[in-house]
C-alpha cells in the first residue's frame, strides 16, 4: 500500500468519525443552540492554540497564549448572545447587535496585551508578540465564530451545510486533482508543489456542489436560496476564498517550518489544517447574505 493510499484511508476514517458530530452541532437546536457555541469554541480554541504554537519564536517573541485564549472564549460568547439574544431572552445582557460591544472587547484585549508586554516581557520581540496575539484572535476566532451568526438565520442550517459542502469538496478535489493530474505547478512561493490542475479540479467541483446542493434544497426541502447564475458565481467565489484561506495557513506554517498545524485529526493534521478554508470564507459568506437581505 502506497503512502498516498494510507493517507487517504486515514482521511476517510477520520471524516467518518468526526463528521457526524460536527453535523449534529450544526443542525440541532437542543439546549438553546449551545452545541453550536460549543462547536465554535472547540474549533477556534484548537486552531488558535495551533497557530500560537507555530508562531512561537522563543526569545524572539511569542504570543500571549492565555490572554488570547480567554478573549477567544469571550468573542464566541458575544457572538452567541448577539445571535440568540432576542430568541432566548439574552437581550437584557447585550442589546441587539451593537458594534460598540465588540469594539469594547477588542479595546480591553489590546490594553491587557500591551500591559503584559510592558511588565512581563523583554522589549525585544514586543511588536511581534503583540501582533501575533492580536492577529490570531481577529482572524481565526472572530472569522470562524460567524458560524454562530449563520446558524441563527432563518435557514441558517441550510446555509452552513451548503458552505461546508462547497468549501470542503473544493479542498478535497483540489487535493485529488493535484495527485492524479497535477503537472503544471503554480509556482506560488507559499505553496510551490500545488498544481493548476488541482486548483481547477477544486473549482469545478465547488461550482457543481453549489449548483446541485442548491437545486436539491429547492426540489426536496422547498428552500430557494440562490438563482442558477448566482449559485455558479458563488461556487467560483467560495473556491477562490477557500484557496486563499489555505494559502494563508500555508504561509504561516512555512514561516514556522512545519508541515501540519498539528496532529489532532489523523490523516488531516491539525484542526487549522481542516478549517483553514472555512475560516476565511465564513464571514464573507455571512455578510454577502446580509447584503442580500437574508435574515
C-alpha atoms as a PDB file:
ATOM      1  CA  UNK A   1       0.000   0.000   0.000  1.00  0.00           C
ATOM      2  CA  UNK A   2       1.403   3.371  -1.024  1.00  0.00           C
ATOM      3  CA  UNK A   3       1.751   6.333   1.319  1.00  0.00           C
ATOM      4  CA  UNK A   4      -0.958   8.202  -0.615  1.00  0.00           C
ATOM      5  CA  UNK A   5      -3.356   5.275  -0.136  1.00  0.00           C
ATOM      6  CA  UNK A   6      -2.577   5.099   3.587  1.00  0.00           C
ATOM      7  CA  UNK A   7      -3.135   8.843   3.955  1.00  0.00           C
ATOM      8  CA  UNK A   8      -6.418   8.610   2.039  1.00  0.00           C
ATOM      9  CA  UNK A   9      -7.692   5.813   4.311  1.00  0.00           C
ATOM     10  CA  UNK A  10      -6.820   7.859   7.390  1.00  0.00           C
ATOM     11  CA  UNK A  11      -8.600  10.902   5.956  1.00  0.00           C
ATOM     12  CA  UNK A  12     -11.736   8.888   5.226  1.00  0.00           C
ATOM     13  CA  UNK A  13     -11.833   7.158   8.623  1.00  0.00           C
ATOM     14  CA  UNK A  14     -11.322  10.451  10.449  1.00  0.00           C
ATOM     15  CA  UNK A  15     -14.150  12.021   8.473  1.00  0.00           C
ATOM     16  CA  UNK A  16     -16.456   9.067   9.237  1.00  0.00           C
ATOM     17  CA  UNK A  17     -15.876   9.578  12.959  1.00  0.00           C
ATOM     18  CA  UNK A  18     -15.756  13.380  13.215  1.00  0.00           C
ATOM     19  CA  UNK A  19     -18.241  14.484  10.545  1.00  0.00           C
ATOM     20  CA  UNK A  20     -21.426  13.191  12.243  1.00  0.00           C
ATOM     21  CA  UNK A  21     -20.507  15.022  15.454  1.00  0.00           C
ATOM     22  CA  UNK A  22     -19.799  18.230  13.550  1.00  0.00           C
ATOM     23  CA  UNK A  23     -23.065  17.964  11.592  1.00  0.00           C
ATOM     24  CA  UNK A  24     -25.024  17.335  14.807  1.00  0.00           C
ATOM     25  CA  UNK A  25     -23.770  20.569  16.353  1.00  0.00           C
ATOM     26  CA  UNK A  26     -24.871  22.411  13.222  1.00  0.00           C
ATOM     27  CA  UNK A  27     -28.378  21.014  12.869  1.00  0.00           C
ATOM     28  CA  UNK A  28     -29.502  20.682  16.498  1.00  0.00           C
ATOM     29  CA  UNK A  29     -31.279  23.372  18.471  1.00  0.00           C
ATOM     30  CA  UNK A  30     -31.056  21.459  21.746  1.00  0.00           C
ATOM     31  CA  UNK A  31     -30.136  23.394  24.873  1.00  0.00           C
ATOM     32  CA  UNK A  32     -30.809  26.801  23.324  1.00  0.00           C
ATOM     33  CA  UNK A  33     -28.358  26.058  20.471  1.00  0.00           C
ATOM     34  CA  UNK A  34     -25.455  25.738  22.915  1.00  0.00           C
ATOM     35  CA  UNK A  35     -23.945  22.864  20.822  1.00  0.00           C
ATOM     36  CA  UNK A  36     -23.313  25.435  18.072  1.00  0.00           C
ATOM     37  CA  UNK A  37     -21.481  27.633  20.560  1.00  0.00           C
ATOM     38  CA  UNK A  38     -19.517  24.618  21.804  1.00  0.00           C
ATOM     39  CA  UNK A  39     -18.558  23.698  18.235  1.00  0.00           C
ATOM     40  CA  UNK A  40     -17.265  27.207  17.540  1.00  0.00           C
ATOM     41  CA  UNK A  41     -15.367  27.241  20.835  1.00  0.00           C
ATOM     42  CA  UNK A  42     -13.680  23.889  20.189  1.00  0.00           C
ATOM     43  CA  UNK A  43     -12.688  24.746  16.622  1.00  0.00           C
ATOM     44  CA  UNK A  44     -11.458  28.278  17.318  1.00  0.00           C
ATOM     45  CA  UNK A  45      -9.576  27.424  20.516  1.00  0.00           C
ATOM     46  CA  UNK A  46      -7.866  24.442  18.891  1.00  0.00           C
ATOM     47  CA  UNK A  47      -6.945  26.421  15.766  1.00  0.00           C
ATOM     48  CA  UNK A  48      -5.762  29.381  17.832  1.00  0.00           C
ATOM     49  CA  UNK A  49      -3.565  27.190  20.031  1.00  0.00           C
ATOM     50  CA  UNK A  50      -2.014  25.559  16.950  1.00  0.00           C
ATOM     51  CA  UNK A  51      -1.391  28.994  15.429  1.00  0.00           C
ATOM     52  CA  UNK A  52       0.256  30.276  18.608  1.00  0.00           C
ATOM     53  CA  UNK A  53       2.455  27.156  18.740  1.00  0.00           C
ATOM     54  CA  UNK A  54       3.560  27.626  15.132  1.00  0.00           C
ATOM     55  CA  UNK A  55       4.459  31.286  15.660  1.00  0.00           C
ATOM     56  CA  UNK A  56       6.390  30.745  18.899  1.00  0.00           C
ATOM     57  CA  UNK A  57       9.926  32.075  18.387  1.00  0.00           C
ATOM     58  CA  UNK A  58      11.100  31.848  21.964  1.00  0.00           C
ATOM     59  CA  UNK A  59      13.210  34.853  22.929  1.00  0.00           C
ATOM     60  CA  UNK A  60      12.471  36.443  19.557  1.00  0.00           C
ATOM     61  CA  UNK A  61       8.803  36.764  20.517  1.00  0.00           C
ATOM     62  CA  UNK A  62       5.780  34.638  21.311  1.00  0.00           C
ATOM     63  CA  UNK A  63       2.049  35.172  21.612  1.00  0.00           C
ATOM     64  CA  UNK A  64       0.266  35.820  24.888  1.00  0.00           C
ATOM     65  CA  UNK A  65      -1.412  32.438  24.708  1.00  0.00           C
ATOM     66  CA  UNK A  66      -3.556  32.548  27.861  1.00  0.00           C
ATOM     67  CA  UNK A  67      -4.748  36.076  27.129  1.00  0.00           C
ATOM     68  CA  UNK A  68      -5.612  35.170  23.567  1.00  0.00           C
ATOM     69  CA  UNK A  69      -7.482  32.037  24.609  1.00  0.00           C
ATOM     70  CA  UNK A  70      -9.518  33.899  27.238  1.00  0.00           C
ATOM     71  CA  UNK A  71     -10.614  36.536  24.768  1.00  0.00           C
ATOM     72  CA  UNK A  72     -11.353  33.823  22.210  1.00  0.00           C
ATOM     73  CA  UNK A  73     -13.947  32.475  24.633  1.00  0.00           C
ATOM     74  CA  UNK A  74     -15.327  35.984  25.190  1.00  0.00           C
ATOM     75  CA  UNK A  75     -15.658  36.637  21.442  1.00  0.00           C
ATOM     76  CA  UNK A  76     -17.559  33.377  20.935  1.00  0.00           C
ATOM     77  CA  UNK A  77     -19.916  34.133  23.805  1.00  0.00           C
ATOM     78  CA  UNK A  78     -20.606  37.625  22.457  1.00  0.00           C
ATOM     79  CA  UNK A  79     -21.373  36.184  19.025  1.00  0.00           C
ATOM     80  CA  UNK A  80     -23.775  33.731  20.652  1.00  0.00           C
ATOM     81  CA  UNK A  81     -25.516  36.464  22.668  1.00  0.00           C
ATOM     82  CA  UNK A  82     -25.851  38.635  19.581  1.00  0.00           C
ATOM     83  CA  UNK A  83     -27.194  35.752  17.503  1.00  0.00           C
ATOM     84  CA  UNK A  84     -29.689  34.365  20.002  1.00  0.00           C
ATOM     85  CA  UNK A  85     -30.287  37.315  22.316  1.00  0.00           C
ATOM     86  CA  UNK A  86     -33.868  38.003  21.239  1.00  0.00           C
ATOM     87  CA  UNK A  87     -34.816  34.367  20.745  1.00  0.00           C
ATOM     88  CA  UNK A  88     -33.724  33.176  24.179  1.00  0.00           C
ATOM     89  CA  UNK A  89     -34.121  36.395  26.144  1.00  0.00           C
ATOM     90  CA  UNK A  90     -30.455  37.360  26.422  1.00  0.00           C
ATOM     91  CA  UNK A  91     -31.012  40.871  25.077  1.00  0.00           C
ATOM     92  CA  UNK A  92     -31.085  42.281  28.585  1.00  0.00           C
ATOM     93  CA  UNK A  93     -27.392  41.378  28.914  1.00  0.00           C
ATOM     94  CA  UNK A  94     -26.245  42.587  25.499  1.00  0.00           C
ATOM     95  CA  UNK A  95     -28.535  44.657  23.265  1.00  0.00           C
ATOM     96  CA  UNK A  96     -29.251  43.710  19.685  1.00  0.00           C
ATOM     97  CA  UNK A  97     -26.077  43.729  17.638  1.00  0.00           C
ATOM     98  CA  UNK A  98     -24.125  46.750  18.786  1.00  0.00           C
ATOM     99  CA  UNK A  99     -20.664  47.141  17.303  1.00  0.00           C
ATOM    100  CA  UNK A 100     -19.537  49.080  20.369  1.00  0.00           C
ATOM    101  CA  UNK A 101     -19.614  45.878  22.424  1.00  0.00           C
ATOM    102  CA  UNK A 102     -17.195  44.192  20.030  1.00  0.00           C
ATOM    103  CA  UNK A 103     -15.004  47.273  19.882  1.00  0.00           C
ATOM    104  CA  UNK A 104     -15.025  47.447  23.673  1.00  0.00           C
ATOM    105  CA  UNK A 105     -13.886  43.836  23.982  1.00  0.00           C
ATOM    106  CA  UNK A 106     -11.121  44.408  21.440  1.00  0.00           C
ATOM    107  CA  UNK A 107     -10.017  47.518  23.332  1.00  0.00           C
ATOM    108  CA  UNK A 108      -9.836  45.661  26.657  1.00  0.00           C
ATOM    109  CA  UNK A 109      -7.983  42.812  24.966  1.00  0.00           C
ATOM    110  CA  UNK A 110      -5.399  45.148  23.452  1.00  0.00           C
ATOM    111  CA  UNK A 111      -4.889  47.055  26.723  1.00  0.00           C
ATOM    112  CA  UNK A 112      -4.367  43.793  28.614  1.00  0.00           C
ATOM    113  CA  UNK A 113      -1.953  42.524  25.991  1.00  0.00           C
ATOM    114  CA  UNK A 114       0.083  45.745  25.946  1.00  0.00           C
ATOM    115  CA  UNK A 115       0.227  45.846  29.743  1.00  0.00           C
ATOM    116  CA  UNK A 116       1.514  42.269  29.825  1.00  0.00           C
ATOM    117  CA  UNK A 117       4.141  43.152  27.245  1.00  0.00           C
ATOM    118  CA  UNK A 118       5.319  46.179  29.218  1.00  0.00           C
ATOM    119  CA  UNK A 119       5.586  44.478  32.587  1.00  0.00           C
ATOM    120  CA  UNK A 120       6.272  40.799  31.915  1.00  0.00           C
ATOM    121  CA  UNK A 121       8.257  40.593  28.667  1.00  0.00           C
ATOM    122  CA  UNK A 122      11.555  41.961  27.352  1.00  0.00           C
ATOM    123  CA  UNK A 123      11.393  44.743  24.791  1.00  0.00           C
ATOM    124  CA  UNK A 124      12.899  42.525  22.109  1.00  0.00           C
ATOM    125  CA  UNK A 125      10.145  40.944  20.053  1.00  0.00           C
ATOM    126  CA  UNK A 126       7.434  43.169  21.519  1.00  0.00           C
ATOM    127  CA  UNK A 127       5.820  44.139  18.214  1.00  0.00           C
ATOM    128  CA  UNK A 128       5.933  40.542  17.018  1.00  0.00           C
ATOM    129  CA  UNK A 129       4.373  39.168  20.207  1.00  0.00           C
ATOM    130  CA  UNK A 130       1.511  41.649  20.252  1.00  0.00           C
ATOM    131  CA  UNK A 131       0.889  41.395  16.514  1.00  0.00           C
ATOM    132  CA  UNK A 132       0.780  37.597  16.538  1.00  0.00           C
ATOM    133  CA  UNK A 133      -1.580  37.539  19.520  1.00  0.00           C
ATOM    134  CA  UNK A 134      -3.992  40.064  18.028  1.00  0.00           C
ATOM    135  CA  UNK A 135      -3.979  38.550  14.543  1.00  0.00           C
ATOM    136  CA  UNK A 136      -4.844  35.119  15.907  1.00  0.00           C
ATOM    137  CA  UNK A 137      -7.903  36.337  17.793  1.00  0.00           C
ATOM    138  CA  UNK A 138      -9.181  38.578  15.000  1.00  0.00           C
ATOM    139  CA  UNK A 139      -8.532  36.233  12.098  1.00  0.00           C
ATOM    140  CA  UNK A 140      -9.162  32.755  13.469  1.00  0.00           C
ATOM    141  CA  UNK A 141     -11.652  33.394  16.283  1.00  0.00           C
ATOM    142  CA  UNK A 142     -13.618  36.383  15.018  1.00  0.00           C
ATOM    143  CA  UNK A 143     -13.834  34.992  11.477  1.00  0.00           C
ATOM    144  CA  UNK A 144     -14.916  31.445  12.286  1.00  0.00           C
ATOM    145  CA  UNK A 145     -17.328  32.438  15.083  1.00  0.00           C
ATOM    146  CA  UNK A 146     -19.539  33.891  12.339  1.00  0.00           C
ATOM    147  CA  UNK A 147     -20.796  30.315  12.049  1.00  0.00           C
ATOM    148  CA  UNK A 148     -22.958  31.132  15.087  1.00  0.00           C
ATOM    149  CA  UNK A 149     -24.444  34.139  13.299  1.00  0.00           C
ATOM    150  CA  UNK A 150     -25.053  31.997  10.217  1.00  0.00           C
ATOM    151  CA  UNK A 151     -26.846  29.368  12.287  1.00  0.00           C
ATOM    152  CA  UNK A 152     -29.201  31.995  13.739  1.00  0.00           C
ATOM    153  CA  UNK A 153     -30.583  32.912  10.293  1.00  0.00           C
ATOM    154  CA  UNK A 154     -33.999  31.556   9.314  1.00  0.00           C
ATOM    155  CA  UNK A 155     -32.435  28.961   7.002  1.00  0.00           C
ATOM    156  CA  UNK A 156     -29.101  29.037   8.765  1.00  0.00           C
ATOM    157  CA  UNK A 157     -28.641  25.269   8.894  1.00  0.00           C
ATOM    158  CA  UNK A 158     -29.057  25.038   5.115  1.00  0.00           C
ATOM    159  CA  UNK A 159     -26.559  27.836   4.511  1.00  0.00           C
ATOM    160  CA  UNK A 160     -23.942  26.316   6.829  1.00  0.00           C
ATOM    161  CA  UNK A 161     -24.263  22.848   5.319  1.00  0.00           C
ATOM    162  CA  UNK A 162     -24.072  24.322   1.822  1.00  0.00           C
ATOM    163  CA  UNK A 163     -20.976  26.337   2.693  1.00  0.00           C
ATOM    164  CA  UNK A 164     -19.286  23.317   4.251  1.00  0.00           C
ATOM    165  CA  UNK A 165     -20.076  21.066   1.294  1.00  0.00           C
ATOM    166  CA  UNK A 166     -18.742  23.552  -1.240  1.00  0.00           C
ATOM    167  CA  UNK A 167     -15.583  24.554   0.631  1.00  0.00           C
ATOM    168  CA  UNK A 168     -14.637  21.074   1.821  1.00  0.00           C
ATOM    169  CA  UNK A 169     -15.314  19.475  -1.564  1.00  0.00           C
ATOM    170  CA  UNK A 170     -13.216  22.189  -3.181  1.00  0.00           C
ATOM    171  CA  UNK A 171     -10.339  21.333  -0.854  1.00  0.00           C
ATOM    172  CA  UNK A 172     -10.736  17.564  -1.268  1.00  0.00           C
ATOM    173  CA  UNK A 173     -10.982  17.595  -5.050  1.00  0.00           C
ATOM    174  CA  UNK A 174      -8.094  20.045  -5.339  1.00  0.00           C
ATOM    175  CA  UNK A 175      -6.014  17.522  -3.392  1.00  0.00           C
ATOM    176  CA  UNK A 176      -7.025  14.530  -5.528  1.00  0.00           C
ATOM    177  CA  UNK A 177      -6.903  16.559  -8.741  1.00  0.00           C
ATOM    178  CA  UNK A 178      -3.353  17.558  -7.930  1.00  0.00           C
ATOM    179  CA  UNK A 179      -2.338  13.989  -7.042  1.00  0.00           C
ATOM    180  CA  UNK A 180      -3.903  12.424 -10.146  1.00  0.00           C
ATOM    181  CA  UNK A 181      -3.444  15.081 -12.813  1.00  0.00           C
ATOM    182  CA  UNK A 182      -1.039  17.671 -11.440  1.00  0.00           C
ATOM    183  CA  UNK A 183       1.628  18.542 -13.989  1.00  0.00           C
ATOM    184  CA  UNK A 184       1.780  22.333 -14.091  1.00  0.00           C
ATOM    185  CA  UNK A 185       2.967  23.812 -10.804  1.00  0.00           C
ATOM    186  CA  UNK A 186       1.546  27.149  -9.748  1.00  0.00           C
ATOM    187  CA  UNK A 187       4.917  28.458  -8.645  1.00  0.00           C
ATOM    188  CA  UNK A 188       3.406  30.217  -5.631  1.00  0.00           C
ATOM    189  CA  UNK A 189       6.267  30.704  -3.132  1.00  0.00           C
ATOM    190  CA  UNK A 190       3.951  29.832  -0.254  1.00  0.00           C
ATOM    191  CA  UNK A 191       2.907  26.500  -1.807  1.00  0.00           C
ATOM    192  CA  UNK A 192       5.143  25.651  -4.781  1.00  0.00           C
ATOM    193  CA  UNK A 193       4.112  21.983  -5.110  1.00  0.00           C
ATOM    194  CA  UNK A 194       0.440  22.661  -5.764  1.00  0.00           C
ATOM    195  CA  UNK A 195      -0.713  22.472  -9.362  1.00  0.00           C
ATOM    196  CA  UNK A 196      -3.127  24.393 -11.537  1.00  0.00           C
ATOM    197  CA  UNK A 197      -4.851  21.099 -12.316  1.00  0.00           C
ATOM    198  CA  UNK A 198      -5.561  20.699  -8.627  1.00  0.00           C
ATOM    199  CA  UNK A 199      -6.957  24.207  -8.265  1.00  0.00           C
ATOM    200  CA  UNK A 200      -9.212  23.887 -11.305  1.00  0.00           C
ATOM    201  CA  UNK A 201     -10.439  20.473 -10.150  1.00  0.00           C
ATOM    202  CA  UNK A 202     -11.442  22.073  -6.875  1.00  0.00           C
ATOM    203  CA  UNK A 203     -13.073  24.986  -8.713  1.00  0.00           C
ATOM    204  CA  UNK A 204     -15.108  22.659 -10.942  1.00  0.00           C
ATOM    205  CA  UNK A 205     -16.440  20.596  -8.051  1.00  0.00           C
ATOM    206  CA  UNK A 206     -17.048  23.708  -5.975  1.00  0.00           C
ATOM    207  CA  UNK A 207     -19.371  25.071  -8.652  1.00  0.00           C
ATOM    208  CA  UNK A 208     -21.043  21.678  -9.163  1.00  0.00           C
ATOM    209  CA  UNK A 209     -21.552  21.266  -5.406  1.00  0.00           C
ATOM    210  CA  UNK A 210     -23.075  24.728  -5.090  1.00  0.00           C
ATOM    211  CA  UNK A 211     -25.451  24.257  -8.043  1.00  0.00           C
ATOM    212  CA  UNK A 212     -26.501  20.690  -7.201  1.00  0.00           C
ATOM    213  CA  UNK A 213     -27.000  21.317  -3.473  1.00  0.00           C
ATOM    214  CA  UNK A 214     -28.942  24.482  -4.231  1.00  0.00           C
ATOM    215  CA  UNK A 215     -31.226  22.543  -6.601  1.00  0.00           C
ATOM    216  CA  UNK A 216     -31.673  19.722  -4.084  1.00  0.00           C
ATOM    217  CA  UNK A 217     -32.750  22.262  -1.476  1.00  0.00           C
ATOM    218  CA  UNK A 218     -35.311  23.678  -3.906  1.00  0.00           C
ATOM    219  CA  UNK A 219     -36.632  20.309  -5.078  1.00  0.00           C
ATOM    220  CA  UNK A 220     -36.793  18.383  -1.799  1.00  0.00           C
ATOM    221  CA  UNK A 221     -36.794  20.963   1.012  1.00  0.00           C
ATOM    222  CA  UNK A 222     -38.654  23.872  -0.613  1.00  0.00           C
ATOM    223  CA  UNK A 223     -35.684  26.155   0.075  1.00  0.00           C
ATOM    224  CA  UNK A 224     -34.948  28.504  -2.852  1.00  0.00           C
ATOM    225  CA  UNK A 225     -31.699  30.021  -1.643  1.00  0.00           C
ATOM    226  CA  UNK A 226     -29.981  31.202  -4.839  1.00  0.00           C
ATOM    227  CA  UNK A 227     -30.652  31.595  -8.536  1.00  0.00           C
ATOM    228  CA  UNK A 228     -28.683  29.453 -11.001  1.00  0.00           C
ATOM    229  CA  UNK A 229     -26.246  32.175 -12.122  1.00  0.00           C
ATOM    230  CA  UNK A 230     -25.854  33.368  -8.534  1.00  0.00           C
ATOM    231  CA  UNK A 231     -25.061  29.799  -7.437  1.00  0.00           C
ATOM    232  CA  UNK A 232     -22.395  29.432 -10.123  1.00  0.00           C
ATOM    233  CA  UNK A 233     -20.760  32.733  -9.202  1.00  0.00           C
ATOM    234  CA  UNK A 234     -20.866  31.856  -5.510  1.00  0.00           C
ATOM    235  CA  UNK A 235     -19.274  28.489  -6.267  1.00  0.00           C
ATOM    236  CA  UNK A 236     -16.410  30.250  -8.017  1.00  0.00           C
ATOM    237  CA  UNK A 237     -16.068  32.851  -5.248  1.00  0.00           C
ATOM    238  CA  UNK A 238     -16.062  30.270  -2.443  1.00  0.00           C
ATOM    239  CA  UNK A 239     -13.463  28.194  -4.280  1.00  0.00           C
ATOM    240  CA  UNK A 240     -11.192  31.225  -4.570  1.00  0.00           C
ATOM    241  CA  UNK A 241     -11.772  32.247  -0.955  1.00  0.00           C
ATOM    242  CA  UNK A 242     -11.172  28.715   0.265  1.00  0.00           C
ATOM    243  CA  UNK A 243      -7.884  28.545  -1.620  1.00  0.00           C
ATOM    244  CA  UNK A 244      -6.817  31.883  -0.161  1.00  0.00           C
ATOM    245  CA  UNK A 245      -7.541  30.591   3.326  1.00  0.00           C
ATOM    246  CA  UNK A 246      -5.435  27.525   2.609  1.00  0.00           C
ATOM    247  CA  UNK A 247      -2.578  29.658   1.284  1.00  0.00           C
ATOM    248  CA  UNK A 248      -2.662  31.931   4.330  1.00  0.00           C
ATOM    249  CA  UNK A 249      -2.283  28.951   6.626  1.00  0.00           C
ATOM    250  CA  UNK A 250       0.475  27.569   4.372  1.00  0.00           C
ATOM    251  CA  UNK A 251       2.322  30.885   4.650  1.00  0.00           C
ATOM    252  CA  UNK A 252       2.211  30.736   8.464  1.00  0.00           C
ATOM    253  CA  UNK A 253       3.298  27.084   8.500  1.00  0.00           C
ATOM    254  CA  UNK A 254       6.132  27.740   6.060  1.00  0.00           C
ATOM    255  CA  UNK A 255       7.293  30.618   8.247  1.00  0.00           C
ATOM    256  CA  UNK A 256       7.244  28.213  11.189  1.00  0.00           C
ATOM    257  CA  UNK A 257       8.998  25.481   9.153  1.00  0.00           C
ATOM    258  CA  UNK A 258       6.333  22.834   9.765  1.00  0.00           C
ATOM    259  CA  UNK A 259       4.151  20.678   7.501  1.00  0.00           C
ATOM    260  CA  UNK A 260       0.944  20.370   9.543  1.00  0.00           C
ATOM    261  CA  UNK A 261      -0.544  22.693  12.136  1.00  0.00           C
ATOM    262  CA  UNK A 262      -0.984  19.718  14.467  1.00  0.00           C
ATOM    263  CA  UNK A 263      -1.853  16.020  14.629  1.00  0.00           C
ATOM    264  CA  UNK A 264      -5.226  16.028  16.364  1.00  0.00           C
ATOM    265  CA  UNK A 265      -7.071  14.624  13.311  1.00  0.00           C
ATOM    266  CA  UNK A 266      -5.370  11.547  11.751  1.00  0.00           C
ATOM    267  CA  UNK A 267      -4.858  11.903   8.025  1.00  0.00           C
ATOM    268  CA  UNK A 268      -5.707  15.590   8.072  1.00  0.00           C
ATOM    269  CA  UNK A 269      -3.205  17.076  10.522  1.00  0.00           C
ATOM    270  CA  UNK A 270      -4.340  19.779  12.886  1.00  0.00           C
ATOM    271  CA  UNK A 271      -7.670  21.485  13.399  1.00  0.00           C
ATOM    272  CA  UNK A 272      -6.474  24.527  11.445  1.00  0.00           C
ATOM    273  CA  UNK A 273      -5.499  22.255   8.538  1.00  0.00           C
ATOM    274  CA  UNK A 274      -9.145  21.162   8.332  1.00  0.00           C
ATOM    275  CA  UNK A 275     -10.866  24.509   8.850  1.00  0.00           C
ATOM    276  CA  UNK A 276      -8.441  26.944   7.176  1.00  0.00           C
ATOM    277  CA  UNK A 277     -10.655  27.453   4.117  1.00  0.00           C
ATOM    278  CA  UNK A 278     -13.852  27.787   6.153  1.00  0.00           C
ATOM    279  CA  UNK A 279     -12.252  30.325   8.488  1.00  0.00           C
ATOM    280  CA  UNK A 280     -11.510  32.598   5.559  1.00  0.00           C
ATOM    281  CA  UNK A 281     -14.843  32.187   3.758  1.00  0.00           C
ATOM    282  CA  UNK A 282     -17.252  32.106   6.729  1.00  0.00           C
ATOM    283  CA  UNK A 283     -17.615  35.859   7.458  1.00  0.00           C
ATOM    284  CA  UNK A 284     -17.586  36.895   3.802  1.00  0.00           C
ATOM    285  CA  UNK A 285     -20.374  34.441   3.017  1.00  0.00           C
ATOM    286  CA  UNK A 286     -22.358  35.698   6.011  1.00  0.00           C
ATOM    287  CA  UNK A 287     -22.014  39.376   5.058  1.00  0.00           C
ATOM    288  CA  UNK A 288     -22.950  38.572   1.480  1.00  0.00           C
ATOM    289  CA  UNK A 289     -26.185  37.117   2.839  1.00  0.00           C
ATOM    290  CA  UNK A 290     -26.685  40.268   4.909  1.00  0.00           C
ATOM    291  CA  UNK A 291     -26.298  42.470   1.815  1.00  0.00           C
ATOM    292  CA  UNK A 292     -28.713  40.161   0.037  1.00  0.00           C
ATOM    293  CA  UNK A 293     -31.277  40.845   2.766  1.00  0.00           C
ATOM    294  CA  UNK A 294     -31.340  37.384   4.345  1.00  0.00           C
ATOM    295  CA  UNK A 295     -32.474  37.464   7.966  1.00  0.00           C
END
